[in-house]
N, C-alpha and C. Protein backbone atom coordinates (compact mmCIF):
# COMPACT_ATOMS: atom_id res chain seq x y z
N UNK A 1 34.38 67.39 3.65
CA UNK A 1 33.61 66.30 3.08
C UNK A 1 33.15 66.63 1.67
N UNK A 2 32.63 67.82 1.49
CA UNK A 2 32.17 68.22 0.15
C UNK A 2 33.32 68.20 -0.86
N UNK A 3 34.50 68.56 -0.42
CA UNK A 3 35.65 68.56 -1.34
C UNK A 3 36.02 67.14 -1.75
N UNK A 4 35.90 66.20 -0.82
CA UNK A 4 36.19 64.80 -1.14
C UNK A 4 35.19 64.30 -2.17
N UNK A 5 33.92 64.62 -1.96
CA UNK A 5 32.87 64.19 -2.88
C UNK A 5 33.11 64.80 -4.26
N UNK A 6 33.40 66.10 -4.31
CA UNK A 6 33.64 66.75 -5.60
C UNK A 6 34.82 66.11 -6.32
N UNK A 7 35.85 65.79 -5.56
CA UNK A 7 37.03 65.15 -6.15
C UNK A 7 36.66 63.79 -6.73
N UNK A 8 35.88 62.99 -5.98
CA UNK A 8 35.47 61.66 -6.44
C UNK A 8 34.57 61.76 -7.67
N UNK A 9 33.69 62.74 -7.66
CA UNK A 9 32.78 62.91 -8.80
C UNK A 9 33.58 63.27 -10.05
N UNK A 10 34.58 64.14 -9.90
CA UNK A 10 35.42 64.48 -11.06
C UNK A 10 36.14 63.23 -11.58
N UNK A 11 36.61 62.40 -10.65
CA UNK A 11 37.28 61.16 -11.06
C UNK A 11 36.31 60.24 -11.82
N UNK A 12 35.08 60.15 -11.34
CA UNK A 12 34.07 59.30 -11.99
C UNK A 12 33.77 59.86 -13.38
N UNK A 13 33.62 61.16 -13.48
CA UNK A 13 33.33 61.78 -14.77
C UNK A 13 34.46 61.57 -15.77
N UNK A 14 35.68 61.37 -15.26
CA UNK A 14 36.82 61.10 -16.13
C UNK A 14 36.96 59.61 -16.44
N UNK A 15 36.09 58.77 -15.85
CA UNK A 15 36.11 57.35 -16.17
C UNK A 15 36.57 56.43 -15.06
N UNK A 16 36.87 56.93 -13.87
CA UNK A 16 37.30 56.10 -12.75
C UNK A 16 36.05 55.55 -12.04
N UNK A 17 35.68 54.33 -12.41
CA UNK A 17 34.46 53.72 -11.88
C UNK A 17 34.59 53.45 -10.38
N UNK A 18 35.77 53.08 -9.92
CA UNK A 18 35.96 52.74 -8.51
C UNK A 18 35.70 53.92 -7.57
N UNK A 19 35.92 55.12 -8.05
CA UNK A 19 35.69 56.31 -7.22
C UNK A 19 34.21 56.42 -6.85
N UNK A 20 33.32 55.93 -7.71
CA UNK A 20 31.89 56.01 -7.41
C UNK A 20 31.53 55.09 -6.24
N UNK A 21 32.26 53.99 -6.06
CA UNK A 21 32.02 53.11 -4.92
C UNK A 21 32.18 53.83 -3.60
N UNK A 22 33.15 54.73 -3.52
CA UNK A 22 33.34 55.52 -2.30
C UNK A 22 32.17 56.47 -2.08
N UNK A 23 31.65 57.04 -3.16
CA UNK A 23 30.50 57.93 -3.07
C UNK A 23 29.29 57.15 -2.56
N UNK A 24 29.09 55.95 -3.08
CA UNK A 24 27.98 55.11 -2.64
C UNK A 24 28.11 54.82 -1.15
N UNK A 25 29.32 54.48 -0.69
CA UNK A 25 29.54 54.18 0.73
C UNK A 25 29.17 55.37 1.61
N UNK A 26 29.46 56.55 1.15
CA UNK A 26 29.18 57.75 1.95
C UNK A 26 27.68 58.02 2.04
N UNK A 27 26.94 57.82 0.95
CA UNK A 27 25.54 58.22 0.89
C UNK A 27 24.52 57.09 1.01
N UNK A 28 24.96 55.84 1.01
CA UNK A 28 23.99 54.74 0.92
C UNK A 28 22.96 54.74 2.05
N UNK A 29 23.40 55.00 3.28
CA UNK A 29 22.45 54.99 4.40
C UNK A 29 21.46 56.15 4.33
N UNK A 30 21.96 57.32 3.95
CA UNK A 30 21.08 58.49 3.86
C UNK A 30 20.03 58.31 2.76
N UNK A 31 20.46 57.78 1.63
CA UNK A 31 19.52 57.57 0.51
C UNK A 31 18.50 56.50 0.89
N UNK A 32 18.97 55.43 1.51
CA UNK A 32 18.06 54.37 1.94
C UNK A 32 17.01 54.93 2.91
N UNK A 33 17.45 55.69 3.91
CA UNK A 33 16.51 56.24 4.89
C UNK A 33 15.50 57.17 4.25
N UNK A 34 15.96 57.98 3.30
CA UNK A 34 15.03 58.85 2.57
C UNK A 34 13.97 58.01 1.86
N UNK A 35 14.41 56.97 1.16
CA UNK A 35 13.48 56.10 0.43
C UNK A 35 12.54 55.36 1.39
N UNK A 36 13.09 54.90 2.49
CA UNK A 36 12.27 54.18 3.46
C UNK A 36 11.19 55.09 4.04
N UNK A 37 11.55 56.32 4.35
CA UNK A 37 10.56 57.25 4.90
C UNK A 37 9.47 57.58 3.90
N UNK A 38 9.84 57.62 2.64
CA UNK A 38 8.83 57.93 1.61
C UNK A 38 7.95 56.73 1.28
N UNK A 39 8.54 55.54 1.28
CA UNK A 39 7.81 54.35 0.83
C UNK A 39 7.25 53.51 1.96
N UNK A 40 7.90 53.57 3.12
CA UNK A 40 7.42 52.80 4.26
C UNK A 40 7.65 51.30 4.16
N UNK A 41 8.51 50.89 3.26
CA UNK A 41 8.77 49.47 3.07
C UNK A 41 10.26 49.28 2.84
N UNK A 42 10.89 48.45 3.65
CA UNK A 42 12.34 48.31 3.58
C UNK A 42 12.79 47.69 2.26
N UNK A 43 12.03 46.74 1.73
CA UNK A 43 12.42 46.09 0.48
C UNK A 43 12.37 47.07 -0.69
N UNK A 44 11.29 47.83 -0.75
CA UNK A 44 11.17 48.81 -1.82
C UNK A 44 12.22 49.91 -1.66
N UNK A 45 12.48 50.30 -0.42
CA UNK A 45 13.49 51.34 -0.17
C UNK A 45 14.86 50.88 -0.65
N UNK A 46 15.20 49.62 -0.41
CA UNK A 46 16.48 49.09 -0.90
C UNK A 46 16.53 49.13 -2.43
N UNK A 47 15.44 48.69 -3.06
CA UNK A 47 15.39 48.69 -4.53
C UNK A 47 15.54 50.09 -5.11
N UNK A 48 14.80 51.03 -4.55
CA UNK A 48 14.82 52.40 -5.08
C UNK A 48 16.16 53.07 -4.79
N UNK A 49 16.72 52.82 -3.62
CA UNK A 49 18.03 53.40 -3.30
C UNK A 49 19.08 52.89 -4.30
N UNK A 50 19.03 51.61 -4.56
CA UNK A 50 19.97 51.04 -5.54
C UNK A 50 19.75 51.65 -6.92
N UNK A 51 18.50 51.78 -7.30
CA UNK A 51 18.19 52.39 -8.60
C UNK A 51 18.66 53.84 -8.65
N UNK A 52 18.55 54.56 -7.55
CA UNK A 52 19.01 55.96 -7.50
C UNK A 52 20.51 56.04 -7.76
N UNK A 53 21.28 55.15 -7.16
CA UNK A 53 22.72 55.16 -7.39
C UNK A 53 23.06 54.77 -8.83
N UNK A 54 22.32 53.84 -9.37
CA UNK A 54 22.54 53.45 -10.77
C UNK A 54 22.26 54.63 -11.69
N UNK A 55 21.13 55.30 -11.46
CA UNK A 55 20.79 56.47 -12.30
C UNK A 55 21.83 57.57 -12.16
N UNK A 56 22.28 57.78 -10.92
CA UNK A 56 23.29 58.83 -10.70
C UNK A 56 24.57 58.47 -11.46
N UNK A 57 24.97 57.23 -11.41
CA UNK A 57 26.19 56.81 -12.10
C UNK A 57 26.04 56.96 -13.62
N UNK A 58 24.92 56.50 -14.15
CA UNK A 58 24.69 56.56 -15.59
C UNK A 58 24.65 58.01 -16.08
N UNK A 59 24.10 58.90 -15.26
CA UNK A 59 23.92 60.30 -15.66
C UNK A 59 24.95 61.24 -15.03
N UNK A 60 26.04 60.71 -14.55
CA UNK A 60 27.03 61.51 -13.83
C UNK A 60 27.60 62.65 -14.67
N UNK A 61 27.63 62.48 -15.96
CA UNK A 61 28.16 63.53 -16.83
C UNK A 61 27.25 64.76 -16.87
N UNK A 62 25.96 64.56 -16.55
CA UNK A 62 25.03 65.70 -16.55
C UNK A 62 25.02 66.44 -15.21
N UNK A 63 25.70 65.89 -14.21
CA UNK A 63 25.78 66.56 -12.91
C UNK A 63 26.63 67.82 -13.03
N UNK A 64 26.11 68.92 -12.47
CA UNK A 64 26.83 70.20 -12.52
C UNK A 64 27.51 70.42 -11.17
N UNK A 65 28.82 70.64 -11.21
CA UNK A 65 29.64 70.75 -10.01
C UNK A 65 29.27 71.93 -9.11
N UNK A 66 28.57 72.93 -9.65
CA UNK A 66 28.24 74.09 -8.81
C UNK A 66 27.16 73.77 -7.77
N UNK A 67 26.46 72.65 -7.93
CA UNK A 67 25.45 72.24 -6.97
C UNK A 67 26.00 71.11 -6.10
N UNK A 68 25.41 70.98 -4.91
CA UNK A 68 25.84 69.89 -4.04
C UNK A 68 25.43 68.55 -4.65
N UNK A 69 26.32 67.59 -4.59
CA UNK A 69 26.04 66.27 -5.14
C UNK A 69 24.89 65.60 -4.38
N UNK A 70 24.88 65.76 -3.06
CA UNK A 70 23.84 65.12 -2.25
C UNK A 70 22.46 65.61 -2.65
N UNK A 71 22.33 66.89 -2.97
CA UNK A 71 21.04 67.44 -3.39
C UNK A 71 20.59 66.78 -4.69
N UNK A 72 21.51 66.65 -5.62
CA UNK A 72 21.22 66.02 -6.91
C UNK A 72 20.83 64.55 -6.70
N UNK A 73 21.59 63.83 -5.89
CA UNK A 73 21.32 62.41 -5.63
C UNK A 73 19.99 62.22 -4.92
N UNK A 74 19.70 63.08 -3.93
CA UNK A 74 18.43 62.97 -3.21
C UNK A 74 17.25 63.30 -4.11
N UNK A 75 17.47 64.21 -5.06
CA UNK A 75 16.39 64.53 -6.01
C UNK A 75 16.08 63.31 -6.89
N UNK A 76 17.13 62.61 -7.32
CA UNK A 76 16.93 61.39 -8.11
C UNK A 76 16.14 60.37 -7.28
N UNK A 77 16.58 60.14 -6.05
CA UNK A 77 15.92 59.17 -5.17
C UNK A 77 14.47 59.57 -4.90
N UNK A 78 14.24 60.85 -4.65
CA UNK A 78 12.88 61.34 -4.39
C UNK A 78 11.98 61.12 -5.60
N UNK A 79 12.47 61.45 -6.78
CA UNK A 79 11.68 61.26 -8.00
C UNK A 79 11.35 59.79 -8.23
N UNK A 80 12.33 58.93 -7.97
CA UNK A 80 12.07 57.49 -8.12
C UNK A 80 11.02 57.00 -7.13
N UNK A 81 11.08 57.51 -5.90
CA UNK A 81 10.08 57.15 -4.89
C UNK A 81 8.69 57.62 -5.30
N UNK A 82 8.62 58.84 -5.80
CA UNK A 82 7.33 59.38 -6.25
C UNK A 82 6.79 58.54 -7.40
N UNK A 83 7.66 58.17 -8.34
CA UNK A 83 7.23 57.31 -9.45
C UNK A 83 6.70 55.98 -8.93
N UNK A 84 7.41 55.40 -7.97
CA UNK A 84 6.98 54.11 -7.41
C UNK A 84 5.63 54.25 -6.73
N UNK A 85 5.43 55.33 -5.99
CA UNK A 85 4.16 55.52 -5.30
C UNK A 85 3.01 55.71 -6.28
N UNK A 86 3.27 56.38 -7.38
CA UNK A 86 2.23 56.59 -8.39
C UNK A 86 1.83 55.29 -9.07
N UNK A 87 2.83 54.47 -9.36
CA UNK A 87 2.60 53.22 -10.08
C UNK A 87 2.30 52.07 -9.16
N UNK A 88 2.37 52.33 -7.88
CA UNK A 88 2.33 51.23 -6.91
C UNK A 88 1.06 50.41 -6.99
N UNK A 89 1.29 49.14 -7.08
CA UNK A 89 0.23 48.16 -6.93
C UNK A 89 0.50 47.55 -5.57
N UNK A 90 -0.49 46.95 -4.97
CA UNK A 90 -0.20 46.35 -3.67
C UNK A 90 0.89 45.30 -3.79
N UNK A 91 2.00 45.56 -3.16
CA UNK A 91 3.11 44.61 -3.15
C UNK A 91 3.15 43.93 -1.80
N UNK A 92 3.33 42.66 -1.81
CA UNK A 92 3.45 41.90 -0.58
C UNK A 92 4.74 41.13 -0.63
N UNK A 93 5.55 41.34 0.36
CA UNK A 93 6.80 40.60 0.48
C UNK A 93 6.59 39.50 1.49
N UNK A 94 6.87 38.29 1.07
CA UNK A 94 6.59 37.15 1.93
C UNK A 94 7.39 37.16 3.22
N UNK A 95 8.56 37.79 3.21
CA UNK A 95 9.35 37.79 4.44
C UNK A 95 9.14 39.06 5.25
N UNK A 96 8.17 39.88 4.84
CA UNK A 96 7.85 41.08 5.62
C UNK A 96 6.95 40.68 6.78
N UNK A 97 7.17 41.30 7.92
CA UNK A 97 6.40 40.97 9.12
C UNK A 97 4.96 41.48 8.97
N UNK A 98 4.02 40.66 9.39
CA UNK A 98 2.61 41.04 9.35
C UNK A 98 2.34 41.96 10.53
N UNK A 99 1.67 43.09 10.26
CA UNK A 99 1.38 44.05 11.31
C UNK A 99 0.52 43.43 12.40
N UNK A 100 0.83 43.75 13.65
CA UNK A 100 0.05 43.26 14.76
C UNK A 100 0.42 41.86 15.21
N UNK A 101 1.47 41.31 14.64
CA UNK A 101 1.91 39.97 15.05
C UNK A 101 3.35 40.06 15.52
N UNK A 102 3.75 39.10 16.25
CA UNK A 102 5.12 39.09 16.73
C UNK A 102 5.93 38.10 15.91
N UNK A 103 6.60 38.59 14.88
CA UNK A 103 7.51 37.77 14.11
C UNK A 103 6.87 36.95 13.01
N UNK A 104 5.53 37.00 12.86
CA UNK A 104 4.90 36.24 11.77
C UNK A 104 5.12 36.97 10.45
N UNK A 105 5.42 36.21 9.42
CA UNK A 105 5.62 36.78 8.09
C UNK A 105 4.49 36.33 7.18
N UNK A 106 4.50 36.83 5.96
CA UNK A 106 3.48 36.43 4.99
C UNK A 106 3.62 34.97 4.60
N UNK A 107 4.80 34.38 4.81
CA UNK A 107 4.96 32.95 4.54
C UNK A 107 3.94 32.14 5.33
N UNK A 108 3.61 32.60 6.53
CA UNK A 108 2.66 31.86 7.34
C UNK A 108 1.24 31.96 6.77
N UNK A 109 1.02 32.90 5.86
CA UNK A 109 -0.30 33.08 5.26
C UNK A 109 -0.46 32.34 3.94
N UNK A 110 0.64 31.84 3.39
CA UNK A 110 0.60 31.15 2.10
C UNK A 110 0.13 29.71 2.33
N UNK A 111 -0.91 29.31 1.63
CA UNK A 111 -1.38 27.94 1.83
C UNK A 111 -0.34 26.93 1.34
N UNK A 112 -0.25 25.87 2.06
CA UNK A 112 0.71 24.83 1.72
C UNK A 112 0.05 23.83 0.77
N UNK A 113 0.85 23.20 -0.06
CA UNK A 113 0.33 22.16 -0.94
C UNK A 113 0.06 20.87 -0.18
N UNK A 114 0.63 20.75 0.99
CA UNK A 114 0.43 19.54 1.78
C UNK A 114 -0.76 19.73 2.69
N UNK A 115 -1.36 18.60 3.06
CA UNK A 115 -2.50 18.66 3.96
C UNK A 115 -2.03 18.98 5.37
N UNK A 116 -2.95 19.52 6.14
CA UNK A 116 -2.66 19.71 7.55
C UNK A 116 -2.50 18.34 8.19
N UNK A 117 -1.68 18.22 9.21
CA UNK A 117 -1.45 16.91 9.82
C UNK A 117 -2.74 16.22 10.28
N UNK A 118 -3.67 17.00 10.85
CA UNK A 118 -4.91 16.37 11.30
C UNK A 118 -5.77 15.88 10.13
N UNK A 119 -5.76 16.62 9.02
CA UNK A 119 -6.50 16.18 7.83
C UNK A 119 -5.85 14.95 7.22
N UNK A 120 -4.53 14.95 7.21
CA UNK A 120 -3.80 13.80 6.68
C UNK A 120 -4.09 12.56 7.52
N UNK A 121 -4.12 12.73 8.84
CA UNK A 121 -4.42 11.62 9.74
C UNK A 121 -5.83 11.12 9.52
N UNK A 122 -6.79 12.04 9.39
CA UNK A 122 -8.19 11.65 9.13
C UNK A 122 -8.29 10.87 7.83
N UNK A 123 -7.57 11.35 6.80
CA UNK A 123 -7.59 10.68 5.51
C UNK A 123 -7.02 9.26 5.62
N UNK A 124 -5.90 9.13 6.34
CA UNK A 124 -5.30 7.81 6.53
C UNK A 124 -6.23 6.89 7.32
N UNK A 125 -6.88 7.43 8.34
CA UNK A 125 -7.82 6.63 9.13
C UNK A 125 -9.00 6.18 8.28
N UNK A 126 -9.51 7.08 7.43
CA UNK A 126 -10.62 6.74 6.56
C UNK A 126 -10.21 5.67 5.56
N UNK A 127 -9.01 5.82 4.98
CA UNK A 127 -8.51 4.80 4.05
C UNK A 127 -8.40 3.45 4.73
N UNK A 128 -7.90 3.45 5.96
CA UNK A 128 -7.75 2.21 6.73
C UNK A 128 -9.12 1.59 7.00
N UNK A 129 -10.09 2.40 7.37
CA UNK A 129 -11.44 1.91 7.65
C UNK A 129 -12.07 1.32 6.39
N UNK A 130 -11.91 2.01 5.26
CA UNK A 130 -12.47 1.52 3.99
C UNK A 130 -11.77 0.22 3.60
N UNK A 131 -10.45 0.17 3.76
CA UNK A 131 -9.71 -1.05 3.43
C UNK A 131 -10.20 -2.23 4.28
N UNK A 132 -10.41 -2.01 5.56
CA UNK A 132 -10.92 -3.08 6.44
C UNK A 132 -12.32 -3.49 6.01
N UNK A 133 -13.13 -2.50 5.62
CA UNK A 133 -14.48 -2.81 5.14
C UNK A 133 -14.45 -3.65 3.89
N UNK A 134 -13.54 -3.33 2.97
CA UNK A 134 -13.41 -4.12 1.74
C UNK A 134 -12.98 -5.54 2.07
N UNK A 135 -12.05 -5.67 3.00
CA UNK A 135 -11.58 -7.02 3.39
C UNK A 135 -12.69 -7.86 4.03
N UNK A 136 -13.68 -7.20 4.63
CA UNK A 136 -14.80 -7.92 5.25
C UNK A 136 -15.88 -8.31 4.26
N UNK A 137 -15.80 -7.80 3.02
CA UNK A 137 -16.80 -8.16 2.01
C UNK A 137 -16.62 -9.63 1.60
N UNK A 138 -17.71 -10.26 1.19
CA UNK A 138 -17.55 -11.60 0.62
C UNK A 138 -16.61 -11.54 -0.59
N UNK A 139 -15.89 -12.59 -0.82
CA UNK A 139 -14.84 -12.62 -1.85
C UNK A 139 -15.36 -12.21 -3.23
N UNK A 140 -16.57 -12.65 -3.59
CA UNK A 140 -17.09 -12.33 -4.93
C UNK A 140 -17.31 -10.83 -5.11
N UNK A 141 -17.66 -10.12 -4.05
CA UNK A 141 -17.84 -8.67 -4.12
C UNK A 141 -16.50 -7.94 -3.96
N UNK A 142 -15.69 -8.44 -3.05
CA UNK A 142 -14.38 -7.82 -2.78
C UNK A 142 -13.55 -7.72 -4.06
N UNK A 143 -13.52 -8.80 -4.85
CA UNK A 143 -12.70 -8.83 -6.06
C UNK A 143 -13.12 -7.76 -7.05
N UNK A 144 -14.41 -7.64 -7.33
CA UNK A 144 -14.86 -6.65 -8.32
C UNK A 144 -14.69 -5.22 -7.80
N UNK A 145 -14.89 -5.01 -6.49
CA UNK A 145 -14.71 -3.67 -5.91
C UNK A 145 -13.24 -3.25 -6.02
N UNK A 146 -12.33 -4.14 -5.70
CA UNK A 146 -10.89 -3.83 -5.79
C UNK A 146 -10.50 -3.54 -7.24
N UNK A 147 -10.96 -4.39 -8.17
CA UNK A 147 -10.60 -4.17 -9.57
C UNK A 147 -11.18 -2.87 -10.12
N UNK A 148 -12.40 -2.54 -9.70
CA UNK A 148 -13.05 -1.33 -10.22
C UNK A 148 -12.51 -0.05 -9.57
N UNK A 149 -12.46 -0.01 -8.24
CA UNK A 149 -12.18 1.26 -7.56
C UNK A 149 -10.73 1.44 -7.11
N UNK A 150 -10.02 0.36 -6.93
CA UNK A 150 -8.63 0.51 -6.51
C UNK A 150 -7.70 0.38 -7.72
N UNK A 151 -7.98 -0.62 -8.57
CA UNK A 151 -7.14 -0.79 -9.77
C UNK A 151 -7.63 0.08 -10.93
N UNK A 152 -8.82 0.66 -10.79
CA UNK A 152 -9.40 1.58 -11.77
C UNK A 152 -9.56 0.94 -13.16
N UNK A 153 -10.03 -0.28 -13.18
CA UNK A 153 -10.25 -0.98 -14.45
C UNK A 153 -11.67 -0.72 -14.95
N UNK A 154 -11.86 -0.84 -16.25
CA UNK A 154 -13.20 -0.66 -16.82
C UNK A 154 -14.02 -1.92 -16.58
N UNK A 155 -15.32 -1.79 -16.74
CA UNK A 155 -16.20 -2.94 -16.55
C UNK A 155 -15.85 -4.07 -17.52
N UNK A 156 -15.55 -3.71 -18.76
CA UNK A 156 -15.18 -4.74 -19.76
C UNK A 156 -13.89 -5.46 -19.36
N UNK A 157 -12.91 -4.73 -18.85
CA UNK A 157 -11.67 -5.36 -18.42
C UNK A 157 -11.91 -6.31 -17.26
N UNK A 158 -12.75 -5.91 -16.32
CA UNK A 158 -13.07 -6.77 -15.18
C UNK A 158 -13.77 -8.03 -15.67
N UNK A 159 -14.70 -7.85 -16.61
CA UNK A 159 -15.42 -8.99 -17.18
C UNK A 159 -14.46 -9.98 -17.82
N UNK A 160 -13.47 -9.48 -18.54
CA UNK A 160 -12.49 -10.35 -19.19
C UNK A 160 -11.59 -11.04 -18.16
N UNK A 161 -11.13 -10.28 -17.16
CA UNK A 161 -10.23 -10.83 -16.15
C UNK A 161 -10.92 -11.95 -15.37
N UNK A 162 -12.17 -11.75 -14.97
CA UNK A 162 -12.89 -12.72 -14.14
C UNK A 162 -13.64 -13.75 -14.98
N UNK A 163 -13.62 -13.56 -16.29
CA UNK A 163 -14.29 -14.46 -17.22
C UNK A 163 -15.76 -14.66 -16.83
N UNK A 164 -16.46 -13.52 -16.70
CA UNK A 164 -17.88 -13.54 -16.37
C UNK A 164 -18.60 -12.49 -17.21
N UNK A 165 -19.89 -12.65 -17.38
CA UNK A 165 -20.65 -11.70 -18.19
C UNK A 165 -20.62 -10.29 -17.58
N UNK A 166 -20.74 -9.30 -18.45
CA UNK A 166 -20.71 -7.90 -18.03
C UNK A 166 -21.83 -7.60 -17.04
N UNK A 167 -22.99 -8.14 -17.25
CA UNK A 167 -24.13 -7.92 -16.35
C UNK A 167 -23.83 -8.43 -14.94
N UNK A 168 -23.16 -9.55 -14.85
CA UNK A 168 -22.80 -10.11 -13.54
C UNK A 168 -21.82 -9.18 -12.82
N UNK A 169 -20.85 -8.64 -13.58
CA UNK A 169 -19.87 -7.71 -13.01
C UNK A 169 -20.59 -6.49 -12.45
N UNK A 170 -21.52 -5.94 -13.24
CA UNK A 170 -22.26 -4.76 -12.80
C UNK A 170 -23.06 -5.05 -11.53
N UNK A 171 -23.70 -6.21 -11.49
CA UNK A 171 -24.51 -6.59 -10.33
C UNK A 171 -23.63 -6.73 -9.09
N UNK A 172 -22.48 -7.39 -9.23
CA UNK A 172 -21.60 -7.58 -8.08
C UNK A 172 -21.00 -6.26 -7.59
N UNK A 173 -20.70 -5.39 -8.51
CA UNK A 173 -20.19 -4.07 -8.09
C UNK A 173 -21.26 -3.34 -7.31
N UNK A 174 -22.49 -3.38 -7.82
CA UNK A 174 -23.60 -2.70 -7.13
C UNK A 174 -23.81 -3.29 -5.75
N UNK A 175 -23.89 -4.62 -5.65
CA UNK A 175 -24.13 -5.29 -4.37
C UNK A 175 -22.94 -5.10 -3.43
N UNK A 176 -21.74 -5.10 -3.98
CA UNK A 176 -20.55 -4.89 -3.17
C UNK A 176 -20.52 -3.48 -2.57
N UNK A 177 -20.90 -2.49 -3.38
CA UNK A 177 -20.98 -1.10 -2.89
C UNK A 177 -22.01 -0.98 -1.79
N UNK A 178 -23.18 -1.62 -1.98
CA UNK A 178 -24.24 -1.57 -0.97
C UNK A 178 -23.77 -2.22 0.33
N UNK A 179 -23.10 -3.34 0.22
CA UNK A 179 -22.60 -4.03 1.43
C UNK A 179 -21.55 -3.18 2.13
N UNK A 180 -20.69 -2.55 1.35
CA UNK A 180 -19.65 -1.68 1.92
C UNK A 180 -20.28 -0.45 2.56
N UNK A 181 -21.30 0.10 1.92
CA UNK A 181 -22.00 1.26 2.46
C UNK A 181 -22.61 0.94 3.82
N UNK A 182 -23.21 -0.24 3.94
CA UNK A 182 -23.80 -0.65 5.22
C UNK A 182 -22.74 -0.79 6.29
N UNK A 183 -21.59 -1.38 5.93
CA UNK A 183 -20.51 -1.53 6.91
C UNK A 183 -19.96 -0.18 7.38
N UNK A 184 -19.91 0.77 6.46
CA UNK A 184 -19.30 2.06 6.76
C UNK A 184 -20.31 3.14 7.14
N UNK A 185 -21.56 2.76 7.35
CA UNK A 185 -22.61 3.75 7.63
C UNK A 185 -22.35 4.54 8.91
N UNK A 186 -21.58 4.00 9.84
CA UNK A 186 -21.32 4.73 11.09
C UNK A 186 -20.07 5.60 11.01
N UNK A 187 -19.41 5.61 9.87
CA UNK A 187 -18.15 6.40 9.75
C UNK A 187 -18.47 7.81 9.35
């Protein structure tokens, strides 16, 4: 086995890039396991193992044939793991399983932009109740409430649309809100 590795390394040093693929196939599991044992995280172990092979390939000309290649490669991987541990900030992988749970990942901990179904239902029920309350208002109050709060028009725009003084609009909005508040007091 050592002779095959030495032969492949000589080929790589002479410029045969494909020969390094065979070296990677031979050592990939061992390097990954070394990284995993040092880092305790499969994602980081994959990253560091890959980086170790890249560094070994880039620096293959500095490898001395009198030493075992595996020792040199494991030293690269070990140094990279140590560097990662020194610089490590808390990393969280969303697809990593949460400890103490059966199959739950960090995705389950990420808040969703959508409402929970029960909150969405409550919101829809409240909207329906408010809409029914508005429909039960006398027409003169209903119109100004809809224009102000549903159509989001300014008081001046409402005054122009209904062709009534601004003071009257303000009064009807106030009285309409009070009437609606009384209707919805039990909600």
